[in-house]
Amino acid sequence: MFKRSYLILLLPLFAFVAVHKYYVSVTNVNYSEKEKTLQITSRVFIDDFDKLLKERYDITANLATKEENTTAETFIKKYLKAKFHITINDKEVVVNYIGREYDNDIIILYLEVENVDLEKIKSVEIENNILTDMFSEQKNIVHFKFKEKKKSFVLIKESNKGMLKF
């Protein structure tokens, strides 16, 4: 009887403990002097990206599983083309999708901008809307690194652009 009463008293305390889901991606943008490219890696939770592909394109992607949908790659490219943009000196540039790999519960997306002459760059702007159309709490952290210049941004749906000026 005493144990039962004790449990009843503690039960309301457990109601305040909830699992909190974080919606975040981390994107690194580095300049390769050797290749004259912007090399971009973006890390996103696989389950969030799976849910997005289902909602937006009505495909069950099953990313990082043996049952992965063979059309997933096409829709990942299409989504990134619509949601991730780079502007150099006020002119939008082509961001090429290179590929992806998985690391535990993360999908790592590889992107690249070719033929970038660092000496001619006055500004670089990144617009990152990845998953902001799906999750209102989504935060996209972007780290720029060009020679000795480093800058980081936390982008959200309402403030989705970050700029580095030289």
N, C-alpha and C. Protein backbone atom coordinates (compact mmCIF):
# COMPACT_ATOMS: atom_id res chain seq x y z
N MET A 1 0.83 -1.19 0.00
CA MET A 1 0.00 0.00 0.00
C MET A 1 0.88 1.26 0.00
N PHE A 2 1.93 1.25 0.83
CA PHE A 2 2.82 2.41 0.91
C PHE A 2 3.49 2.68 -0.44
N LYS A 3 3.95 1.63 -1.13
CA LYS A 3 4.60 1.79 -2.43
C LYS A 3 3.64 2.37 -3.45
N ARG A 4 2.42 1.95 -3.41
CA ARG A 4 1.40 2.43 -4.33
C ARG A 4 1.14 3.92 -4.11
N SER A 5 1.04 4.36 -2.88
CA SER A 5 0.82 5.78 -2.54
C SER A 5 2.01 6.61 -2.99
N TYR A 6 3.19 6.07 -2.78
CA TYR A 6 4.41 6.75 -3.17
C TYR A 6 4.44 6.97 -4.68
N LEU A 7 4.06 5.95 -5.43
CA LEU A 7 4.02 6.02 -6.88
C LEU A 7 2.99 7.06 -7.34
N ILE A 8 1.86 7.10 -6.70
CA ILE A 8 0.81 8.06 -7.05
C ILE A 8 1.29 9.49 -6.81
N LEU A 9 2.07 9.70 -5.75
CA LEU A 9 2.60 11.03 -5.47
C LEU A 9 3.67 11.45 -6.49
N LEU A 10 4.45 10.50 -6.98
CA LEU A 10 5.52 10.81 -7.93
C LEU A 10 5.04 10.91 -9.37
N LEU A 11 3.95 10.30 -9.69
CA LEU A 11 3.44 10.26 -11.06
C LEU A 11 3.28 11.65 -11.68
N PRO A 12 2.75 12.64 -10.98
CA PRO A 12 2.63 13.97 -11.59
C PRO A 12 3.99 14.59 -11.95
N LEU A 13 5.03 14.25 -11.23
CA LEU A 13 6.35 14.78 -11.55
C LEU A 13 6.86 14.25 -12.89
N PHE A 14 6.53 13.01 -13.20
CA PHE A 14 6.96 12.42 -14.46
C PHE A 14 6.25 13.06 -15.65
N ALA A 15 5.11 13.66 -15.44
CA ALA A 15 4.36 14.29 -16.52
C ALA A 15 5.13 15.48 -17.09
N PHE A 16 6.02 16.08 -16.31
CA PHE A 16 6.77 17.24 -16.77
C PHE A 16 8.05 16.85 -17.50
N VAL A 17 8.38 15.60 -17.49
CA VAL A 17 9.57 15.12 -18.19
C VAL A 17 9.13 14.60 -19.54
N ALA A 18 9.55 15.26 -20.58
CA ALA A 18 9.16 14.86 -21.94
C ALA A 18 10.40 14.76 -22.80
N VAL A 19 10.33 13.91 -23.79
CA VAL A 19 11.43 13.80 -24.73
C VAL A 19 11.35 15.00 -25.66
N HIS A 20 12.44 15.72 -25.75
CA HIS A 20 12.47 16.89 -26.61
C HIS A 20 13.25 16.56 -27.87
N LYS A 21 12.69 16.84 -29.02
CA LYS A 21 13.32 16.58 -30.31
C LYS A 21 13.94 17.87 -30.81
N TYR A 22 15.22 17.81 -31.17
CA TYR A 22 15.90 18.96 -31.72
C TYR A 22 15.92 18.86 -33.23
N TYR A 23 15.67 19.96 -33.89
CA TYR A 23 15.70 20.02 -35.34
C TYR A 23 16.85 20.94 -35.73
N VAL A 24 17.95 20.33 -36.15
CA VAL A 24 19.15 21.10 -36.44
C VAL A 24 19.95 20.44 -37.56
N SER A 25 20.60 21.27 -38.36
CA SER A 25 21.57 20.78 -39.33
C SER A 25 22.83 21.61 -39.15
N VAL A 26 23.96 21.05 -39.55
CA VAL A 26 25.22 21.78 -39.48
C VAL A 26 25.86 21.71 -40.87
N THR A 27 26.15 22.90 -41.42
CA THR A 27 26.75 23.00 -42.75
C THR A 27 28.09 23.71 -42.65
N ASN A 28 29.10 23.11 -43.26
CA ASN A 28 30.44 23.70 -43.32
C ASN A 28 30.73 24.10 -44.76
N VAL A 29 31.18 25.35 -44.95
CA VAL A 29 31.54 25.85 -46.27
C VAL A 29 33.01 26.25 -46.20
N ASN A 30 33.83 25.55 -46.97
CA ASN A 30 35.28 25.81 -46.99
C ASN A 30 35.73 26.11 -48.41
N TYR A 31 36.69 26.99 -48.52
CA TYR A 31 37.27 27.30 -49.83
C TYR A 31 38.51 26.44 -50.04
N SER A 32 38.55 25.73 -51.18
CA SER A 32 39.73 24.95 -51.55
C SER A 32 40.54 25.77 -52.54
N GLU A 33 41.69 26.26 -52.07
CA GLU A 33 42.55 27.07 -52.93
C GLU A 33 43.10 26.23 -54.09
N LYS A 34 43.42 24.99 -53.80
CA LYS A 34 43.98 24.08 -54.81
C LYS A 34 43.00 23.85 -55.96
N GLU A 35 41.72 23.61 -55.61
CA GLU A 35 40.73 23.29 -56.63
C GLU A 35 39.87 24.48 -57.03
N LYS A 36 40.04 25.62 -56.35
CA LYS A 36 39.25 26.83 -56.61
C LYS A 36 37.75 26.53 -56.55
N THR A 37 37.37 25.86 -55.46
CA THR A 37 35.96 25.51 -55.27
C THR A 37 35.53 25.82 -53.85
N LEU A 38 34.23 26.02 -53.69
CA LEU A 38 33.63 26.03 -52.37
C LEU A 38 33.19 24.60 -52.11
N GLN A 39 33.68 24.00 -51.06
CA GLN A 39 33.33 22.63 -50.71
C GLN A 39 32.39 22.69 -49.51
N ILE A 40 31.24 22.08 -49.67
CA ILE A 40 30.17 22.19 -48.69
C ILE A 40 29.76 20.81 -48.20
N THR A 41 29.70 20.66 -46.89
CA THR A 41 29.14 19.45 -46.30
C THR A 41 28.02 19.88 -45.37
N SER A 42 26.92 19.18 -45.46
CA SER A 42 25.78 19.48 -44.61
C SER A 42 25.35 18.20 -43.91
N ARG A 43 25.20 18.27 -42.60
CA ARG A 43 24.82 17.12 -41.79
C ARG A 43 23.40 17.32 -41.27
N VAL A 44 22.54 16.34 -41.59
CA VAL A 44 21.12 16.42 -41.25
C VAL A 44 20.70 15.06 -40.67
N PHE A 45 19.78 15.08 -39.72
CA PHE A 45 19.28 13.82 -39.17
C PHE A 45 18.52 13.05 -40.24
N ILE A 46 18.83 11.77 -40.37
CA ILE A 46 18.22 10.92 -41.39
C ILE A 46 16.71 10.84 -41.22
N ASP A 47 16.22 10.66 -40.00
CA ASP A 47 14.78 10.51 -39.81
C ASP A 47 14.03 11.77 -40.22
N ASP A 48 14.61 12.94 -40.00
CA ASP A 48 13.98 14.19 -40.42
C ASP A 48 13.94 14.28 -41.94
N PHE A 49 15.02 13.89 -42.60
CA PHE A 49 15.08 13.95 -44.06
C PHE A 49 14.13 12.91 -44.67
N ASP A 50 14.04 11.74 -44.07
CA ASP A 50 13.09 10.71 -44.51
C ASP A 50 11.66 11.24 -44.45
N LYS A 51 11.34 11.87 -43.32
CA LYS A 51 9.98 12.42 -43.14
C LYS A 51 9.71 13.50 -44.18
N LEU A 52 10.69 14.34 -44.43
CA LEU A 52 10.53 15.39 -45.43
C LEU A 52 10.25 14.80 -46.82
N LEU A 53 11.02 13.80 -47.22
CA LEU A 53 10.83 13.19 -48.54
C LEU A 53 9.44 12.57 -48.66
N LYS A 54 8.95 12.00 -47.58
CA LYS A 54 7.60 11.41 -47.59
C LYS A 54 6.54 12.50 -47.74
N GLU A 55 6.66 13.56 -46.94
CA GLU A 55 5.68 14.65 -46.97
C GLU A 55 5.70 15.42 -48.28
N ARG A 56 6.89 15.77 -48.74
CA ARG A 56 7.02 16.65 -49.90
C ARG A 56 6.85 15.93 -51.23
N TYR A 57 7.40 14.72 -51.34
CA TYR A 57 7.41 14.02 -52.63
C TYR A 57 6.64 12.70 -52.62
N ASP A 58 6.06 12.39 -51.47
CA ASP A 58 5.27 11.17 -51.31
C ASP A 58 6.06 9.90 -51.66
N ILE A 59 7.33 9.87 -51.23
CA ILE A 59 8.10 8.63 -51.40
C ILE A 59 8.57 8.16 -50.02
N THR A 60 8.55 6.88 -49.86
CA THR A 60 9.11 6.28 -48.65
C THR A 60 10.56 5.97 -48.99
N ALA A 61 11.46 6.83 -48.54
CA ALA A 61 12.87 6.74 -48.95
C ALA A 61 13.63 5.65 -48.22
N ASN A 62 13.30 5.42 -46.95
CA ASN A 62 14.03 4.43 -46.14
C ASN A 62 15.54 4.65 -46.22
N LEU A 63 15.95 5.89 -46.04
CA LEU A 63 17.37 6.23 -46.14
C LEU A 63 18.20 5.42 -45.17
N ALA A 64 19.38 5.03 -45.62
CA ALA A 64 20.37 4.30 -44.82
C ALA A 64 19.90 2.90 -44.41
N THR A 65 18.99 2.33 -45.18
CA THR A 65 18.55 0.96 -44.91
C THR A 65 18.75 0.10 -46.16
N LYS A 66 18.58 -1.19 -45.99
CA LYS A 66 18.68 -2.10 -47.14
C LYS A 66 17.52 -1.90 -48.11
N GLU A 67 16.44 -1.32 -47.61
CA GLU A 67 15.25 -1.08 -48.43
C GLU A 67 15.20 0.34 -49.00
N GLU A 68 16.36 1.01 -49.05
CA GLU A 68 16.36 2.40 -49.52
C GLU A 68 15.79 2.49 -50.93
N ASN A 69 14.90 3.45 -51.10
CA ASN A 69 14.24 3.68 -52.38
C ASN A 69 15.27 4.15 -53.41
N THR A 70 15.26 3.53 -54.58
CA THR A 70 16.25 3.86 -55.62
C THR A 70 16.05 5.28 -56.18
N THR A 71 14.88 5.87 -55.98
CA THR A 71 14.64 7.23 -56.48
C THR A 71 15.00 8.30 -55.44
N ALA A 72 15.43 7.90 -54.26
CA ALA A 72 15.74 8.86 -53.20
C ALA A 72 16.76 9.90 -53.65
N GLU A 73 17.80 9.47 -54.33
CA GLU A 73 18.86 10.38 -54.78
C GLU A 73 18.30 11.52 -55.63
N THR A 74 17.40 11.20 -56.53
CA THR A 74 16.79 12.20 -57.41
C THR A 74 16.05 13.25 -56.59
N PHE A 75 15.31 12.82 -55.60
CA PHE A 75 14.52 13.76 -54.79
C PHE A 75 15.40 14.55 -53.81
N ILE A 76 16.47 13.95 -53.35
CA ILE A 76 17.41 14.69 -52.51
C ILE A 76 18.02 15.84 -53.31
N LYS A 77 18.48 15.56 -54.53
CA LYS A 77 19.05 16.59 -55.41
C LYS A 77 18.04 17.70 -55.66
N LYS A 78 16.81 17.30 -56.00
CA LYS A 78 15.75 18.26 -56.31
C LYS A 78 15.47 19.16 -55.10
N TYR A 79 15.40 18.57 -53.93
CA TYR A 79 15.11 19.34 -52.71
C TYR A 79 16.25 20.32 -52.41
N LEU A 80 17.48 19.86 -52.47
CA LEU A 80 18.62 20.73 -52.18
C LEU A 80 18.72 21.88 -53.18
N LYS A 81 18.40 21.61 -54.43
CA LYS A 81 18.43 22.66 -55.45
C LYS A 81 17.41 23.76 -55.13
N ALA A 82 16.29 23.38 -54.55
CA ALA A 82 15.25 24.34 -54.20
C ALA A 82 15.52 25.07 -52.89
N LYS A 83 16.26 24.45 -51.98
CA LYS A 83 16.37 24.96 -50.62
C LYS A 83 17.74 25.49 -50.20
N PHE A 84 18.76 25.28 -51.00
CA PHE A 84 20.10 25.71 -50.62
C PHE A 84 20.71 26.53 -51.75
N HIS A 85 21.02 27.82 -51.48
CA HIS A 85 21.52 28.71 -52.52
C HIS A 85 22.75 29.47 -52.02
N ILE A 86 23.65 29.74 -52.95
CA ILE A 86 24.83 30.55 -52.65
C ILE A 86 24.90 31.68 -53.67
N THR A 87 25.17 32.86 -53.15
CA THR A 87 25.32 34.05 -53.98
C THR A 87 26.72 34.61 -53.72
N ILE A 88 27.47 34.83 -54.81
CA ILE A 88 28.80 35.42 -54.70
C ILE A 88 28.76 36.76 -55.43
N ASN A 89 29.17 37.81 -54.72
CA ASN A 89 29.16 39.17 -55.29
C ASN A 89 27.79 39.51 -55.90
N ASP A 90 26.73 39.21 -55.17
CA ASP A 90 25.35 39.51 -55.57
C ASP A 90 24.87 38.73 -56.79
N LYS A 91 25.55 37.64 -57.15
CA LYS A 91 25.13 36.80 -58.27
C LYS A 91 25.01 35.35 -57.80
N GLU A 92 23.81 34.77 -57.97
CA GLU A 92 23.62 33.38 -57.56
C GLU A 92 24.48 32.46 -58.43
N VAL A 93 25.14 31.50 -57.79
CA VAL A 93 26.01 30.55 -58.49
C VAL A 93 25.39 29.16 -58.44
N VAL A 94 25.87 28.30 -59.32
CA VAL A 94 25.37 26.92 -59.38
C VAL A 94 26.01 26.12 -58.26
N VAL A 95 25.16 25.47 -57.47
CA VAL A 95 25.63 24.58 -56.41
C VAL A 95 25.40 23.15 -56.91
N ASN A 96 26.50 22.42 -57.09
CA ASN A 96 26.42 21.04 -57.59
C ASN A 96 26.30 20.06 -56.44
N TYR A 97 25.39 19.12 -56.61
CA TYR A 97 25.25 18.02 -55.66
C TYR A 97 26.29 16.97 -56.03
N ILE A 98 27.16 16.61 -55.09
CA ILE A 98 28.23 15.64 -55.34
C ILE A 98 27.82 14.24 -54.91
N GLY A 99 27.17 14.16 -53.75
CA GLY A 99 26.77 12.85 -53.25
C GLY A 99 26.41 12.92 -51.78
N ARG A 100 26.32 11.73 -51.18
CA ARG A 100 25.94 11.63 -49.76
C ARG A 100 26.51 10.37 -49.17
N GLU A 101 26.57 10.36 -47.86
CA GLU A 101 26.92 9.15 -47.11
C GLU A 101 26.23 9.23 -45.76
N TYR A 102 26.26 8.14 -45.06
CA TYR A 102 25.59 8.07 -43.77
C TYR A 102 26.60 7.84 -42.66
N ASP A 103 26.32 8.45 -41.52
CA ASP A 103 27.13 8.27 -40.34
C ASP A 103 26.17 8.13 -39.16
N ASN A 104 25.95 6.91 -38.73
CA ASN A 104 24.97 6.60 -37.69
C ASN A 104 23.59 7.15 -38.07
N ASP A 105 23.10 8.16 -37.36
CA ASP A 105 21.75 8.68 -37.65
C ASP A 105 21.79 9.98 -38.45
N ILE A 106 22.92 10.24 -39.11
CA ILE A 106 23.13 11.48 -39.87
C ILE A 106 23.34 11.17 -41.35
N ILE A 107 22.72 11.99 -42.20
CA ILE A 107 23.04 11.95 -43.63
C ILE A 107 23.98 13.13 -43.88
N ILE A 108 25.11 12.84 -44.51
CA ILE A 108 26.08 13.88 -44.84
C ILE A 108 25.94 14.15 -46.33
N LEU A 109 25.59 15.39 -46.65
CA LEU A 109 25.37 15.80 -48.03
C LEU A 109 26.59 16.58 -48.51
N TYR A 110 27.09 16.26 -49.69
CA TYR A 110 28.26 16.91 -50.25
C TYR A 110 27.85 17.77 -51.45
N LEU A 111 28.21 19.05 -51.40
CA LEU A 111 27.89 20.00 -52.45
C LEU A 111 29.17 20.75 -52.83
N GLU A 112 29.13 21.41 -53.99
CA GLU A 112 30.32 22.12 -54.44
C GLU A 112 29.94 23.25 -55.39
N VAL A 113 30.69 24.34 -55.30
CA VAL A 113 30.59 25.43 -56.27
C VAL A 113 31.96 25.50 -56.95
N GLU A 114 31.96 25.35 -58.27
CA GLU A 114 33.21 25.32 -59.03
C GLU A 114 33.63 26.71 -59.51
N ASN A 115 34.89 26.81 -59.91
CA ASN A 115 35.45 28.02 -60.53
C ASN A 115 35.26 29.27 -59.68
N VAL A 116 35.69 29.19 -58.44
CA VAL A 116 35.58 30.32 -57.53
C VAL A 116 36.97 30.94 -57.37
N ASP A 117 37.09 32.20 -57.74
CA ASP A 117 38.35 32.92 -57.61
C ASP A 117 38.29 33.77 -56.34
N LEU A 118 38.98 33.32 -55.32
CA LEU A 118 38.94 33.98 -54.02
C LEU A 118 39.34 35.46 -54.10
N GLU A 119 40.26 35.78 -55.00
CA GLU A 119 40.74 37.16 -55.12
C GLU A 119 39.65 38.12 -55.60
N LYS A 120 38.65 37.59 -56.30
CA LYS A 120 37.58 38.44 -56.85
C LYS A 120 36.33 38.49 -55.96
N ILE A 121 36.34 37.72 -54.87
CA ILE A 121 35.16 37.65 -54.01
C ILE A 121 35.10 38.87 -53.09
N LYS A 122 33.95 39.52 -53.11
CA LYS A 122 33.70 40.63 -52.18
C LYS A 122 32.70 40.19 -51.10
N SER A 123 31.79 39.28 -51.48
CA SER A 123 30.81 38.79 -50.52
C SER A 123 30.32 37.40 -50.93
N VAL A 124 29.98 36.61 -49.91
CA VAL A 124 29.38 35.29 -50.12
C VAL A 124 28.16 35.23 -49.21
N GLU A 125 27.02 34.90 -49.81
CA GLU A 125 25.79 34.78 -49.04
C GLU A 125 25.25 33.36 -49.18
N ILE A 126 24.85 32.80 -48.07
CA ILE A 126 24.25 31.46 -48.09
C ILE A 126 22.81 31.57 -47.62
N GLU A 127 21.93 30.96 -48.40
CA GLU A 127 20.53 30.84 -48.02
C GLU A 127 20.28 29.35 -47.78
N ASN A 128 19.93 29.01 -46.55
CA ASN A 128 19.74 27.61 -46.19
C ASN A 128 18.34 27.43 -45.61
N ASN A 129 17.48 26.83 -46.41
CA ASN A 129 16.10 26.55 -46.00
C ASN A 129 15.85 25.06 -45.79
N ILE A 130 16.91 24.30 -45.60
CA ILE A 130 16.77 22.85 -45.44
C ILE A 130 15.91 22.56 -44.21
N LEU A 131 14.85 21.84 -44.43
CA LEU A 131 13.89 21.37 -43.42
C LEU A 131 13.06 22.47 -42.75
N THR A 132 13.27 23.74 -43.08
CA THR A 132 12.47 24.79 -42.43
C THR A 132 11.02 24.75 -42.90
N ASP A 133 10.76 24.18 -44.05
CA ASP A 133 9.39 24.04 -44.53
C ASP A 133 8.67 22.89 -43.82
N MET A 134 9.42 22.03 -43.17
CA MET A 134 8.87 20.86 -42.50
C MET A 134 8.74 21.06 -40.99
N PHE A 135 9.75 21.68 -40.39
CA PHE A 135 9.80 21.83 -38.94
C PHE A 135 10.00 23.31 -38.60
N SER A 136 9.03 23.90 -37.94
CA SER A 136 9.13 25.33 -37.60
C SER A 136 10.28 25.60 -36.63
N GLU A 137 10.71 24.60 -35.86
CA GLU A 137 11.80 24.77 -34.90
C GLU A 137 13.18 24.54 -35.52
N GLN A 138 13.24 24.24 -36.82
CA GLN A 138 14.50 23.90 -37.47
C GLN A 138 15.51 25.04 -37.39
N LYS A 139 16.73 24.68 -37.01
CA LYS A 139 17.85 25.63 -37.00
C LYS A 139 18.95 25.06 -37.88
N ASN A 140 19.45 25.88 -38.79
CA ASN A 140 20.52 25.47 -39.69
C ASN A 140 21.77 26.28 -39.35
N ILE A 141 22.74 25.60 -38.78
CA ILE A 141 23.99 26.25 -38.40
C ILE A 141 24.93 26.18 -39.60
N VAL A 142 25.50 27.34 -39.97
CA VAL A 142 26.41 27.41 -41.11
C VAL A 142 27.74 27.98 -40.63
N HIS A 143 28.82 27.26 -40.97
CA HIS A 143 30.18 27.71 -40.66
C HIS A 143 30.90 28.02 -41.97
N PHE A 144 31.34 29.27 -42.14
CA PHE A 144 32.16 29.69 -43.27
C PHE A 144 33.61 29.61 -42.86
N LYS A 145 34.46 29.20 -43.80
CA LYS A 145 35.91 29.27 -43.56
C LYS A 145 36.60 29.57 -44.89
N PHE A 146 37.15 30.79 -45.00
CA PHE A 146 37.89 31.21 -46.18
C PHE A 146 39.20 31.78 -45.71
N LYS A 147 40.29 31.13 -46.04
CA LYS A 147 41.62 31.51 -45.56
C LYS A 147 41.54 31.77 -44.06
N GLU A 148 41.84 32.99 -43.63
CA GLU A 148 41.83 33.27 -42.19
C GLU A 148 40.48 33.78 -41.70
N LYS A 149 39.52 33.97 -42.59
CA LYS A 149 38.19 34.46 -42.17
C LYS A 149 37.30 33.29 -41.79
N LYS A 150 36.69 33.42 -40.61
CA LYS A 150 35.73 32.41 -40.15
C LYS A 150 34.51 33.13 -39.61
N LYS A 151 33.34 32.58 -39.90
CA LYS A 151 32.11 33.16 -39.41
C LYS A 151 31.06 32.06 -39.34
N SER A 152 30.22 32.14 -38.33
CA SER A 152 29.15 31.16 -38.16
C SER A 152 27.81 31.87 -38.02
N PHE A 153 26.77 31.20 -38.49
CA PHE A 153 25.41 31.72 -38.41
C PHE A 153 24.47 30.63 -37.94
N VAL A 154 23.42 31.03 -37.27
CA VAL A 154 22.31 30.13 -36.98
C VAL A 154 21.14 30.68 -37.78
N LEU A 155 20.73 29.91 -38.79
CA LEU A 155 19.66 30.35 -39.68
C LEU A 155 18.36 29.64 -39.32
N ILE A 156 17.26 30.39 -39.38
CA ILE A 156 15.93 29.85 -39.12
C ILE A 156 15.02 30.26 -40.27
N LYS A 157 13.80 29.78 -40.25
CA LYS A 157 12.87 30.06 -41.34
C LYS A 157 12.72 31.56 -41.60
N GLU A 158 12.59 32.34 -40.54
CA GLU A 158 12.36 33.77 -40.68
C GLU A 158 13.63 34.55 -41.02
N SER A 159 14.78 33.97 -40.77
CA SER A 159 16.06 34.61 -41.04
C SER A 159 16.98 33.55 -41.64
N ASN A 160 16.85 33.33 -42.95
CA ASN A 160 17.44 32.16 -43.60
C ASN A 160 18.71 32.44 -44.39
N LYS A 161 19.29 33.65 -44.22
CA LYS A 161 20.50 33.99 -44.99
C LYS A 161 21.61 34.48 -44.07
N GLY A 162 22.83 34.11 -44.44
CA GLY A 162 24.01 34.59 -43.74
C GLY A 162 25.02 35.08 -44.76
N MET A 163 25.74 36.16 -44.45
CA MET A 163 26.67 36.73 -45.40
C MET A 163 28.04 36.96 -44.78
N LEU A 164 29.06 36.71 -45.60
CA LEU A 164 30.43 36.99 -45.22
C LEU A 164 30.96 37.99 -46.24
N LYS A 165 31.44 39.15 -45.74
CA LYS A 165 31.98 40.18 -46.63
C LYS A 165 33.49 40.24 -46.47
N PHE A 166 34.15 40.51 -47.57
CA PHE A 166 35.62 40.61 -47.58
C PHE A 166 36.05 42.05 -47.75
